[in-house]
Amino acid sequence: MPMHIIIIGFKCGMSILNEAIWHLYLIRLDSGHLYTGITTDVARRFGEHKNGKGAKFLRGREGLKLVYSNAIGDRSSALKIEAAVKKLPKQKKEALINGNFSIDELSAD
């Protein structure tokens, strides 16, 4: 999956500021646990997790399944939403995965 780039329409000296779009993603383990993370390239990051090069929590685990991803925008927003999702009970995370809950609703909680 290619990285998405937004070109912001102004120049800083001779360079143009490029900002990648950050994504929130959830991975389900065989045990049923859900891992939440952010990245600019979901396919690359999931591959790293599957190959034992990602988060320590997932190293050595098999049967990882990418069950959710959503484009968020800038890194700051992605970090805030990641923190909010990590605080959700598993039932709400499952609702997010199943499309019965939206990250847009997090600001209302």
PDB file of N, CA and C in Angstrom:
ATOM      1  N   MET A   1       0.862  -1.173   0.000  1.00  0.00           N
ATOM      2  CA  MET A   1       0.000   0.000   0.000  1.00  0.00           C
ATOM      3  C   MET A   1       0.908   1.235   0.000  1.00  0.00           C
ATOM      4  N   PRO A   2       0.706   2.155  -0.944  1.00  0.00           N
ATOM      5  CA  PRO A   2       1.573   3.333  -1.007  1.00  0.00           C
ATOM      6  C   PRO A   2       1.282   4.315   0.115  1.00  0.00           C
ATOM      7  N   MET A   3       2.299   5.099   0.457  1.00  0.00           N
ATOM      8  CA  MET A   3       2.121   6.127   1.471  1.00  0.00           C
ATOM      9  C   MET A   3       1.387   7.297   0.832  1.00  0.00           C
ATOM     10  N   HIS A   4       0.410   7.853   1.534  1.00  0.00           N
ATOM     11  CA  HIS A   4      -0.335   8.998   1.051  1.00  0.00           C
ATOM     12  C   HIS A   4       0.395  10.269   1.467  1.00  0.00           C
ATOM     13  N   ILE A   5       0.538  11.187   0.531  1.00  0.00           N
ATOM     14  CA  ILE A   5       1.225  12.449   0.798  1.00  0.00           C
ATOM     15  C   ILE A   5       0.272  13.599   0.500  1.00  0.00           C
ATOM     16  N   ILE A   6       0.239  14.561   1.386  1.00  0.00           N
ATOM     17  CA  ILE A   6      -0.505  15.793   1.148  1.00  0.00           C
ATOM     18  C   ILE A   6       0.532  16.876   0.876  1.00  0.00           C
ATOM     19  N   ILE A   7       0.386  17.570  -0.216  1.00  0.00           N
ATOM     20  CA  ILE A   7       1.269  18.694  -0.506  1.00  0.00           C
ATOM     21  C   ILE A   7       0.567  19.952  -0.021  1.00  0.00           C
ATOM     22  N   ILE A   8       1.184  20.626   0.907  1.00  0.00           N
ATOM     23  CA  ILE A   8       0.626  21.863   1.431  1.00  0.00           C
ATOM     24  C   ILE A   8       1.099  22.986   0.514  1.00  0.00           C
ATOM     25  N   GLY A   9       0.177  23.844   0.092  1.00  0.00           N
ATOM     26  CA  GLY A   9       0.430  24.792  -0.976  1.00  0.00           C
ATOM     27  C   GLY A   9       1.211  26.034  -0.613  1.00  0.00           C
ATOM     28  N   PHE A  10       2.280  25.919   0.115  1.00  0.00           N
ATOM     29  CA  PHE A  10       3.156  27.067   0.328  1.00  0.00           C
ATOM     30  C   PHE A  10       4.591  26.579   0.407  1.00  0.00           C
ATOM     31  N   LYS A  11       5.509  27.483   0.128  1.00  0.00           N
ATOM     32  CA  LYS A  11       6.926  27.119   0.133  1.00  0.00           C
ATOM     33  C   LYS A  11       7.614  27.676   1.375  1.00  0.00           C
ATOM     34  N   CYS A  12       8.508  26.893   1.923  1.00  0.00           N
ATOM     35  CA  CYS A  12       9.340  27.332   3.042  1.00  0.00           C
ATOM     36  C   CYS A  12      10.740  27.501   2.470  1.00  0.00           C
ATOM     37  N   GLY A  13      11.070  28.717   2.060  1.00  0.00           N
ATOM     38  CA  GLY A  13      12.345  28.914   1.371  1.00  0.00           C
ATOM     39  C   GLY A  13      12.262  28.243   0.017  1.00  0.00           C
ATOM     40  N   MET A  14      13.156  27.287  -0.228  1.00  0.00           N
ATOM     41  CA  MET A  14      13.172  26.589  -1.511  1.00  0.00           C
ATOM     42  C   MET A  14      12.480  25.230  -1.440  1.00  0.00           C
ATOM     43  N   SER A  15      12.051  24.780  -0.245  1.00  0.00           N
ATOM     44  CA  SER A  15      11.444  23.455  -0.132  1.00  0.00           C
ATOM     45  C   SER A  15       9.948  23.542   0.108  1.00  0.00           C
ATOM     46  N   ILE A  16       9.242  22.525  -0.343  1.00  0.00           N
ATOM     47  CA  ILE A  16       7.806  22.431  -0.112  1.00  0.00           C
ATOM     48  C   ILE A  16       7.592  21.456   1.040  1.00  0.00           C
ATOM     49  N   LEU A  17       6.734  21.838   1.976  1.00  0.00           N
ATOM     50  CA  LEU A  17       6.457  21.015   3.142  1.00  0.00           C
ATOM     51  C   LEU A  17       5.516  19.868   2.756  1.00  0.00           C
ATOM     52  N   ASN A  18       5.958  18.634   2.947  1.00  0.00           N
ATOM     53  CA  ASN A  18       5.137  17.446   2.683  1.00  0.00           C
ATOM     54  C   ASN A  18       4.749  16.830   4.020  1.00  0.00           C
ATOM     55  N   GLU A  19       3.512  16.427   4.140  1.00  0.00           N
ATOM     56  CA  GLU A  19       3.067  15.802   5.378  1.00  0.00           C
ATOM     57  C   GLU A  19       2.323  14.518   5.047  1.00  0.00           C
ATOM     58  N   ALA A  20       2.788  13.415   5.597  1.00  0.00           N
ATOM     59  CA  ALA A  20       2.151  12.123   5.366  1.00  0.00           C
ATOM     60  C   ALA A  20       0.866  12.028   6.170  1.00  0.00           C
ATOM     61  N   ILE A  21      -0.064  11.241   5.677  1.00  0.00           N
ATOM     62  CA  ILE A  21      -1.313  10.992   6.396  1.00  0.00           C
ATOM     63  C   ILE A  21      -1.092   9.818   7.350  1.00  0.00           C
ATOM     64  N   TRP A  22      -1.456  10.026   8.600  1.00  0.00           N
ATOM     65  CA  TRP A  22      -1.312   9.000   9.627  1.00  0.00           C
ATOM     66  C   TRP A  22      -2.602   8.195   9.739  1.00  0.00           C
ATOM     67  N   HIS A  23      -2.443   6.899  10.017  1.00  0.00           N
ATOM     68  CA  HIS A  23      -3.564   5.973  10.140  1.00  0.00           C
ATOM     69  C   HIS A  23      -3.561   5.325  11.521  1.00  0.00           C
ATOM     70  N   LEU A  24      -4.743   5.073  12.029  1.00  0.00           N
ATOM     71  CA  LEU A  24      -4.934   4.257  13.226  1.00  0.00           C
ATOM     72  C   LEU A  24      -5.204   2.840  12.742  1.00  0.00           C
ATOM     73  N   TYR A  25      -4.640   1.838  13.426  1.00  0.00           N
ATOM     74  CA  TYR A  25      -4.914   0.457  13.042  1.00  0.00           C
ATOM     75  C   TYR A  25      -5.058  -0.408  14.287  1.00  0.00           C
ATOM     76  N   LEU A  26      -5.817  -1.504  14.145  1.00  0.00           N
ATOM     77  CA  LEU A  26      -5.968  -2.489  15.211  1.00  0.00           C
ATOM     78  C   LEU A  26      -5.616  -3.859  14.658  1.00  0.00           C
ATOM     79  N   ILE A  27      -4.856  -4.618  15.439  1.00  0.00           N
ATOM     80  CA  ILE A  27      -4.458  -5.980  15.098  1.00  0.00           C
ATOM     81  C   ILE A  27      -5.040  -6.914  16.152  1.00  0.00           C
ATOM     82  N   ARG A  28      -5.657  -7.997  15.682  1.00  0.00           N
ATOM     83  CA  ARG A  28      -6.178  -9.021  16.602  1.00  0.00           C
ATOM     84  C   ARG A  28      -5.171 -10.167  16.697  1.00  0.00           C
ATOM     85  N   LEU A  29      -4.893 -10.577  17.933  1.00  0.00           N
ATOM     86  CA  LEU A  29      -4.025 -11.720  18.180  1.00  0.00           C
ATOM     87  C   LEU A  29      -4.883 -12.977  18.285  1.00  0.00           C
ATOM     88  N   ASP A  30      -4.257 -14.140  18.125  1.00  0.00           N
ATOM     89  CA  ASP A  30      -4.982 -15.407  18.291  1.00  0.00           C
ATOM     90  C   ASP A  30      -5.676 -15.493  19.642  1.00  0.00           C
ATOM     91  N   SER A  31      -5.099 -14.871  20.650  1.00  0.00           N
ATOM     92  CA  SER A  31      -5.671 -14.901  21.999  1.00  0.00           C
ATOM     93  C   SER A  31      -6.934 -14.056  22.112  1.00  0.00           C
ATOM     94  N   GLY A  32      -7.191 -13.230  21.078  1.00  0.00           N
ATOM     95  CA  GLY A  32      -8.344 -12.336  21.123  1.00  0.00           C
ATOM     96  C   GLY A  32      -7.989 -10.920  21.530  1.00  0.00           C
ATOM     97  N   HIS A  33      -6.791 -10.722  22.075  1.00  0.00           N
ATOM     98  CA  HIS A  33      -6.350  -9.382  22.446  1.00  0.00           C
ATOM     99  C   HIS A  33      -6.299  -8.489  21.205  1.00  0.00           C
ATOM    100  N   LEU A  34      -6.483  -7.194  21.423  1.00  0.00           N
ATOM    101  CA  LEU A  34      -6.382  -6.226  20.342  1.00  0.00           C
ATOM    102  C   LEU A  34      -5.215  -5.288  20.608  1.00  0.00           C
ATOM    103  N   TYR A  35      -4.392  -5.076  19.593  1.00  0.00           N
ATOM    104  CA  TYR A  35      -3.265  -4.147  19.678  1.00  0.00           C
ATOM    105  C   TYR A  35      -3.629  -2.923  18.842  1.00  0.00           C
ATOM    106  N   THR A  36      -3.404  -1.737  19.370  1.00  0.00           N
ATOM    107  CA  THR A  36      -3.711  -0.483  18.689  1.00  0.00           C
ATOM    108  C   THR A  36      -2.424   0.268  18.386  1.00  0.00           C
ATOM    109  N   GLY A  37      -2.310   0.795  17.158  1.00  0.00           N
ATOM    110  CA  GLY A  37      -1.122   1.561  16.795  1.00  0.00           C
ATOM    111  C   GLY A  37      -1.442   2.602  15.737  1.00  0.00           C
ATOM    112  N   ILE A  38      -0.427   3.407  15.418  1.00  0.00           N
ATOM    113  CA  ILE A  38      -0.552   4.396  14.349  1.00  0.00           C
ATOM    114  C   ILE A  38       0.652   4.281  13.430  1.00  0.00           C
ATOM    115  N   THR A  39       0.471   4.671  12.184  1.00  0.00           N
ATOM    116  CA  THR A  39       1.541   4.621  11.193  1.00  0.00           C
ATOM    117  C   THR A  39       1.158   5.445   9.980  1.00  0.00           C
ATOM    118  N   THR A  40       2.129   5.726   9.130  1.00  0.00           N
ATOM    119  CA  THR A  40       1.844   6.378   7.855  1.00  0.00           C
ATOM    120  C   THR A  40       1.666   5.355   6.739  1.00  0.00           C
ATOM    121  N   ASP A  41       2.008   4.097   7.008  1.00  0.00           N
ATOM    122  CA  ASP A  41       1.906   3.041   5.997  1.00  0.00           C
ATOM    123  C   ASP A  41       1.455   1.745   6.689  1.00  0.00           C
ATOM    124  N   VAL A  42       0.174   1.487   6.652  1.00  0.00           N
ATOM    125  CA  VAL A  42      -0.400   0.357   7.391  1.00  0.00           C
ATOM    126  C   VAL A  42       0.161  -0.977   6.901  1.00  0.00           C
ATOM    127  N   ALA A  43       0.245  -1.179   5.593  1.00  0.00           N
ATOM    128  CA  ALA A  43       0.737  -2.457   5.057  1.00  0.00           C
ATOM    129  C   ALA A  43       2.177  -2.720   5.489  1.00  0.00           C
ATOM    130  N   ARG A  44       3.034  -1.697   5.404  1.00  0.00           N
ATOM    131  CA  ARG A  44       4.425  -1.852   5.825  1.00  0.00           C
ATOM    132  C   ARG A  44       4.512  -2.173   7.315  1.00  0.00           C
ATOM    133  N   ARG A  45       3.768  -1.433   8.128  1.00  0.00           N
ATOM    134  CA  ARG A  45       3.837  -1.617   9.578  1.00  0.00           C
ATOM    135  C   ARG A  45       3.293  -2.986   9.989  1.00  0.00           C
ATOM    136  N   PHE A  46       2.200  -3.422   9.352  1.00  0.00           N
ATOM    137  CA  PHE A  46       1.652  -4.739   9.668  1.00  0.00           C
ATOM    138  C   PHE A  46       2.674  -5.821   9.302  1.00  0.00           C
ATOM    139  N   GLY A  47       3.347  -5.653   8.168  1.00  0.00           N
ATOM    140  CA  GLY A  47       4.402  -6.594   7.777  1.00  0.00           C
ATOM    141  C   GLY A  47       5.515  -6.641   8.806  1.00  0.00           C
ATOM    142  N   GLU A  48       5.888  -5.483   9.343  1.00  0.00           N
ATOM    143  CA  GLU A  48       6.916  -5.440  10.385  1.00  0.00           C
ATOM    144  C   GLU A  48       6.452  -6.205  11.616  1.00  0.00           C
ATOM    145  N   HIS A  49       5.217  -6.013  12.008  1.00  0.00           N
ATOM    146  CA  HIS A  49       4.681  -6.741  13.170  1.00  0.00           C
ATOM    147  C   HIS A  49       4.709  -8.248  12.911  1.00  0.00           C
ATOM    148  N   LYS A  50       4.282  -8.665  11.732  1.00  0.00           N
ATOM    149  CA  LYS A  50       4.244 -10.094  11.409  1.00  0.00           C
ATOM    150  C   LYS A  50       5.644 -10.710  11.374  1.00  0.00           C
ATOM    151  N   ASN A  51       6.643  -9.893  11.028  1.00  0.00           N
ATOM    152  CA  ASN A  51       8.015 -10.379  10.942  1.00  0.00           C
ATOM    153  C   ASN A  51       8.802 -10.171  12.231  1.00  0.00           C
ATOM    154  N   GLY A  52       8.121  -9.803  13.313  1.00  0.00           N
ATOM    155  CA  GLY A  52       8.778  -9.662  14.610  1.00  0.00           C
ATOM    156  C   GLY A  52       9.610  -8.405  14.759  1.00  0.00           C
ATOM    157  N   LYS A  53       9.392  -7.406  13.896  1.00  0.00           N
ATOM    158  CA  LYS A  53      10.193  -6.186  13.951  1.00  0.00           C
ATOM    159  C   LYS A  53       9.398  -4.999  14.471  1.00  0.00           C
ATOM    160  N   GLY A  54       8.198  -5.243  14.946  1.00  0.00           N
ATOM    161  CA  GLY A  54       7.356  -4.160  15.452  1.00  0.00           C
ATOM    162  C   GLY A  54       7.408  -4.095  16.967  1.00  0.00           C
ATOM    163  N   ALA A  55       6.292  -3.794  17.548  1.00  0.00           N
ATOM    164  CA  ALA A  55       6.169  -3.630  18.998  1.00  0.00           C
ATOM    165  C   ALA A  55       6.541  -4.911  19.748  1.00  0.00           C
ATOM    166  N   LYS A  56       7.190  -4.751  20.880  1.00  0.00           N
ATOM    167  CA  LYS A  56       7.602  -5.901  21.691  1.00  0.00           C
ATOM    168  C   LYS A  56       6.409  -6.779  22.062  1.00  0.00           C
ATOM    169  N   PHE A  57       5.247  -6.147  22.308  1.00  0.00           N
ATOM    170  CA  PHE A  57       4.059  -6.895  22.702  1.00  0.00           C
ATOM    171  C   PHE A  57       3.675  -7.941  21.659  1.00  0.00           C
ATOM    172  N   LEU A  58       3.967  -7.686  20.391  1.00  0.00           N
ATOM    173  CA  LEU A  58       3.563  -8.594  19.319  1.00  0.00           C
ATOM    174  C   LEU A  58       4.665  -9.546  18.865  1.00  0.00           C
ATOM    175  N   ARG A  59       5.882  -9.334  19.320  1.00  0.00           N
ATOM    176  CA  ARG A  59       6.994 -10.176  18.873  1.00  0.00           C
ATOM    177  C   ARG A  59       6.790 -11.619  19.296  1.00  0.00           C
ATOM    178  N   GLY A  60       7.022 -12.519  18.348  1.00  0.00           N
ATOM    179  CA  GLY A  60       6.899 -13.941  18.621  1.00  0.00           C
ATOM    180  C   GLY A  60       5.468 -14.451  18.607  1.00  0.00           C
ATOM    181  N   ARG A  61       4.524 -13.574  18.364  1.00  0.00           N
ATOM    182  CA  ARG A  61       3.118 -13.992  18.324  1.00  0.00           C
ATOM    183  C   ARG A  61       2.746 -14.357  16.892  1.00  0.00           C
ATOM    184  N   GLU A  62       1.943 -15.399  16.759  1.00  0.00           N
ATOM    185  CA  GLU A  62       1.491 -15.811  15.434  1.00  0.00           C
ATOM    186  C   GLU A  62       0.001 -15.559  15.305  1.00  0.00           C
ATOM    187  N   GLY A  63      -0.480 -15.627  14.092  1.00  0.00           N
ATOM    188  CA  GLY A  63      -1.909 -15.462  13.849  1.00  0.00           C
ATOM    189  C   GLY A  63      -2.377 -14.018  13.967  1.00  0.00           C
ATOM    190  N   LEU A  64      -1.496 -13.059  13.690  1.00  0.00           N
ATOM    191  CA  LEU A  64      -1.895 -11.653  13.748  1.00  0.00           C
ATOM    192  C   LEU A  64      -2.805 -11.340  12.563  1.00  0.00           C
ATOM    193  N   LYS A  65      -3.873 -10.598  12.841  1.00  0.00           N
ATOM    194  CA  LYS A  65      -4.811 -10.207  11.785  1.00  0.00           C
ATOM    195  C   LYS A  65      -5.075  -8.716  11.880  1.00  0.00           C
ATOM    196  N   LEU A  66      -4.866  -8.022  10.779  1.00  0.00           N
ATOM    197  CA  LEU A  66      -5.204  -6.606  10.721  1.00  0.00           C
ATOM    198  C   LEU A  66      -6.724  -6.527  10.592  1.00  0.00           C
ATOM    199  N   VAL A  67      -7.388  -5.976  11.602  1.00  0.00           N
ATOM    200  CA  VAL A  67      -8.852  -5.980  11.612  1.00  0.00           C
ATOM    201  C   VAL A  67      -9.470  -4.600  11.425  1.00  0.00           C
ATOM    202  N   TYR A  68      -8.639  -3.545  11.481  1.00  0.00           N
ATOM    203  CA  TYR A  68      -9.186  -2.195  11.340  1.00  0.00           C
ATOM    204  C   TYR A  68      -8.075  -1.229  10.966  1.00  0.00           C
ATOM    205  N   SER A  69      -8.378  -0.313  10.063  1.00  0.00           N
ATOM    206  CA  SER A  69      -7.494   0.831   9.822  1.00  0.00           C
ATOM    207  C   SER A  69      -8.338   1.996   9.339  1.00  0.00           C
ATOM    208  N   ASN A  70      -7.885   3.197   9.681  1.00  0.00           N
ATOM    209  CA  ASN A  70      -8.626   4.400   9.325  1.00  0.00           C
ATOM    210  C   ASN A  70      -7.644   5.557   9.202  1.00  0.00           C
ATOM    211  N   ALA A  71      -7.734   6.299   8.103  1.00  0.00           N
ATOM    212  CA  ALA A  71      -6.893   7.477   7.920  1.00  0.00           C
ATOM    213  C   ALA A  71      -7.339   8.551   8.900  1.00  0.00           C
ATOM    214  N   ILE A  72      -6.378   9.133   9.620  1.00  0.00           N
ATOM    215  CA  ILE A  72      -6.689  10.136  10.637  1.00  0.00           C
ATOM    216  C   ILE A  72      -6.299  11.530  10.175  1.00  0.00           C
ATOM    217  N   GLY A  73      -5.095  11.681   9.675  1.00  0.00           N
ATOM    218  CA  GLY A  73      -4.603  12.997   9.271  1.00  0.00           C
ATOM    219  C   GLY A  73      -3.199  13.198   9.774  1.00  0.00           C
ATOM    220  N   ASP A  74      -2.982  14.241  10.558  1.00  0.00           N
ATOM    221  CA  ASP A  74      -1.626  14.536  11.036  1.00  0.00           C
ATOM    222  C   ASP A  74      -1.252  13.663  12.241  1.00  0.00           C
ATOM    223  N   ARG A  75       0.035  13.640  12.545  1.00  0.00           N
ATOM    224  CA  ARG A  75       0.553  12.781  13.613  1.00  0.00           C
ATOM    225  C   ARG A  75      -0.039  13.135  14.976  1.00  0.00           C
ATOM    226  N   SER A  76      -0.185  14.416  15.248  1.00  0.00           N
ATOM    227  CA  SER A  76      -0.724  14.851  16.533  1.00  0.00           C
ATOM    228  C   SER A  76      -2.142  14.316  16.743  1.00  0.00           C
ATOM    229  N   SER A  77      -2.978  14.436  15.730  1.00  0.00           N
ATOM    230  CA  SER A  77      -4.351  13.920  15.819  1.00  0.00           C
ATOM    231  C   SER A  77      -4.353  12.407  15.986  1.00  0.00           C
ATOM    232  N   ALA A  78      -3.479  11.734  15.239  1.00  0.00           N
ATOM    233  CA  ALA A  78      -3.402  10.275  15.318  1.00  0.00           C
ATOM    234  C   ALA A  78      -2.986   9.822  16.718  1.00  0.00           C
ATOM    235  N   LEU A  79      -2.026  10.511  17.324  1.00  0.00           N
ATOM    236  CA  LEU A  79      -1.593  10.159  18.680  1.00  0.00           C
ATOM    237  C   LEU A  79      -2.724  10.334  19.692  1.00  0.00           C
ATOM    238  N   LYS A  80      -3.484  11.404  19.553  1.00  0.00           N
ATOM    239  CA  LYS A  80      -4.610  11.651  20.464  1.00  0.00           C
ATOM    240  C   LYS A  80      -5.682  10.582  20.312  1.00  0.00           C
ATOM    241  N   ILE A  81      -6.003  10.235  19.070  1.00  0.00           N
ATOM    242  CA  ILE A  81      -7.036   9.218  18.840  1.00  0.00           C
ATOM    243  C   ILE A  81      -6.542   7.847  19.286  1.00  0.00           C
ATOM    244  N   GLU A  82      -5.272   7.547  19.036  1.00  0.00           N
ATOM    245  CA  GLU A  82      -4.700   6.275  19.500  1.00  0.00           C
ATOM    246  C   GLU A  82      -4.835   6.159  21.019  1.00  0.00           C
ATOM    247  N   ALA A  83      -4.500   7.204  21.735  1.00  0.00           N
ATOM    248  CA  ALA A  83      -4.598   7.184  23.201  1.00  0.00           C
ATOM    249  C   ALA A  83      -6.046   6.974  23.639  1.00  0.00           C
ATOM    250  N   ALA A  84      -6.976   7.630  22.960  1.00  0.00           N
ATOM    251  CA  ALA A  84      -8.397   7.492  23.314  1.00  0.00           C
ATOM    252  C   ALA A  84      -8.896   6.075  23.036  1.00  0.00           C
ATOM    253  N   VAL A  85      -8.483   5.493  21.910  1.00  0.00           N
ATOM    254  CA  VAL A  85      -8.917   4.132  21.571  1.00  0.00           C
ATOM    255  C   VAL A  85      -8.330   3.129  22.553  1.00  0.00           C
ATOM    256  N   LYS A  86      -7.075   3.316  22.955  1.00  0.00           N
ATOM    257  CA  LYS A  86      -6.454   2.406  23.916  1.00  0.00           C
ATOM    258  C   LYS A  86      -7.197   2.401  25.251  1.00  0.00           C
ATOM    259  N   LYS A  87      -7.864   3.499  25.582  1.00  0.00           N
ATOM    260  CA  LYS A  87      -8.618   3.586  26.831  1.00  0.00           C
ATOM    261  C   LYS A  87     -10.014   2.974  26.728  1.00  0.00           C
ATOM    262  N   LEU A  88     -10.473   2.703  25.512  1.00  0.00           N
ATOM    263  CA  LEU A  88     -11.815   2.147  25.339  1.00  0.00           C
ATOM    264  C   LEU A  88     -11.879   0.720  25.871  1.00  0.00           C
ATOM    265  N   PRO A  89     -13.038   0.331  26.388  1.00  0.00           N
ATOM    266  CA  PRO A  89     -13.210  -1.082  26.739  1.00  0.00           C
ATOM    267  C   PRO A  89     -13.222  -1.921  25.461  1.00  0.00           C
ATOM    268  N   LYS A  90     -12.908  -3.203  25.590  1.00  0.00           N
ATOM    269  CA  LYS A  90     -12.833  -4.071  24.415  1.00  0.00           C
ATOM    270  C   LYS A  90     -14.137  -4.065  23.628  1.00  0.00           C
ATOM    271  N   GLN A  91     -15.262  -3.988  24.304  1.00  0.00           N
ATOM    272  CA  GLN A  91     -16.563  -3.979  23.631  1.00  0.00           C
ATOM    273  C   GLN A  91     -16.665  -2.809  22.638  1.00  0.00           C
ATOM    274  N   LYS A  92     -16.175  -1.641  23.021  1.00  0.00           N
ATOM    275  CA  LYS A  92     -16.204  -0.469  22.132  1.00  0.00           C
ATOM    276  C   LYS A  92     -15.226  -0.658  20.968  1.00  0.00           C
ATOM    277  N   LYS A  93     -14.073  -1.261  21.247  1.00  0.00           N
ATOM    278  CA  LYS A  93     -13.117  -1.524  20.166  1.00  0.00           C
ATOM    279  C   LYS A  93     -13.713  -2.491  19.153  1.00  0.00           C
ATOM    280  N   GLU A  94     -14.425  -3.506  19.649  1.00  0.00           N
ATOM    281  CA  GLU A  94     -15.093  -4.461  18.743  1.00  0.00           C
ATOM    282  C   GLU A  94     -16.166  -3.740  17.920  1.00  0.00           C
ATOM    283  N   ALA A  95     -16.878  -2.810  18.539  1.00  0.00           N
ATOM    284  CA  ALA A  95     -17.887  -2.033  17.817  1.00  0.00           C
ATOM    285  C   ALA A  95     -17.220  -1.174  16.736  1.00  0.00           C
ATOM    286  N   LEU A  96     -16.060  -0.629  17.037  1.00  0.00           N
ATOM    287  CA  LEU A  96     -15.303   0.147  16.055  1.00  0.00           C
ATOM    288  C   LEU A  96     -14.930  -0.735  14.865  1.00  0.00           C
ATOM    289  N   ILE A  97     -14.425  -1.915  15.138  1.00  0.00           N
ATOM    290  CA  ILE A  97     -14.038  -2.867  14.099  1.00  0.00           C
ATOM    291  C   ILE A  97     -15.239  -3.255  13.241  1.00  0.00           C
ATOM    292  N   ASN A  98     -16.386  -3.459  13.882  1.00  0.00           N
ATOM    293  CA  ASN A  98     -17.596  -3.905  13.186  1.00  0.00           C
ATOM    294  C   ASN A  98     -18.379  -2.773  12.530  1.00  0.00           C
ATOM    295  N   GLY A  99     -17.904  -1.540  12.701  1.00  0.00           N
ATOM    296  CA  GLY A  99     -18.579  -0.402  12.077  1.00  0.00           C
ATOM    297  C   GLY A  99     -19.759   0.121  12.866  1.00  0.00           C
ATOM    298  N   ASN A 100     -19.902  -0.299  14.120  1.00  0.00           N
ATOM    299  CA  ASN A 100     -21.018   0.141  14.964  1.00  0.00           C
ATOM    300  C   ASN A 100     -20.630   1.283  15.905  1.00  0.00           C
ATOM    301  N   PHE A 101     -19.394   1.751  15.773  1.00  0.00           N
ATOM    302  CA  PHE A 101     -18.896   2.858  16.577  1.00  0.00           C
ATOM    303  C   PHE A 101     -17.881   3.585  15.715  1.00  0.00           C
ATOM    304  N   SER A 102     -17.865   4.882  15.784  1.00  0.00           N
ATOM    305  CA  SER A 102     -16.971   5.682  14.958  1.00  0.00           C
ATOM    306  C   SER A 102     -15.974   6.439  15.827  1.00  0.00           C
ATOM    307  N   ILE A 103     -14.765   6.603  15.317  1.00  0.00           N
ATOM    308  CA  ILE A 103     -13.797   7.391  16.066  1.00  0.00           C
ATOM    309  C   ILE A 103     -14.252   8.830  16.203  1.00  0.00           C
ATOM    310  N   ASP A 104     -15.167   9.270  15.337  1.00  0.00           N
ATOM    311  CA  ASP A 104     -15.727  10.614  15.453  1.00  0.00           C
ATOM    312  C   ASP A 104     -16.502  10.774  16.761  1.00  0.00           C
ATOM    313  N   GLU A 105     -16.988   9.669  17.311  1.00  0.00           N
ATOM    314  CA  GLU A 105     -17.753   9.691  18.553  1.00  0.00           C
ATOM    315  C   GLU A 105     -16.862   9.837  19.793  1.00  0.00           C
ATOM    316  N   LEU A 106     -15.552   9.687  19.618  1.00  0.00           N
ATOM    317  CA  LEU A 106     -14.644   9.746  20.772  1.00  0.00           C
ATOM    318  C   LEU A 106     -14.665  11.114  21.436  1.00  0.00           C
ATOM    319  N   SER A 107     -14.808  12.155  20.666  1.00  0.00           N
ATOM    320  CA  SER A 107     -14.834  13.495  21.260  1.00  0.00           C
ATOM    321  C   SER A 107     -16.113  13.715  22.085  1.00  0.00           C
ATOM    322  N   ALA A 108     -17.160  12.939  21.788  1.00  0.00           N
ATOM    323  CA  ALA A 108     -18.416  13.055  22.527  1.00  0.00           C
ATOM    324  C   ALA A 108     -18.358  12.300  23.843  1.00  0.00           C
ATOM    325  N   ASP A 109     -17.433  11.326  23.977  1.00  0.00           N
ATOM    326  CA  ASP A 109     -17.331  10.529  25.224  1.00  0.00           C
ATOM    327  C   ASP A 109     -16.652  11.284  26.332  1.00  0.00           C
TER     328      ASP A 109
END
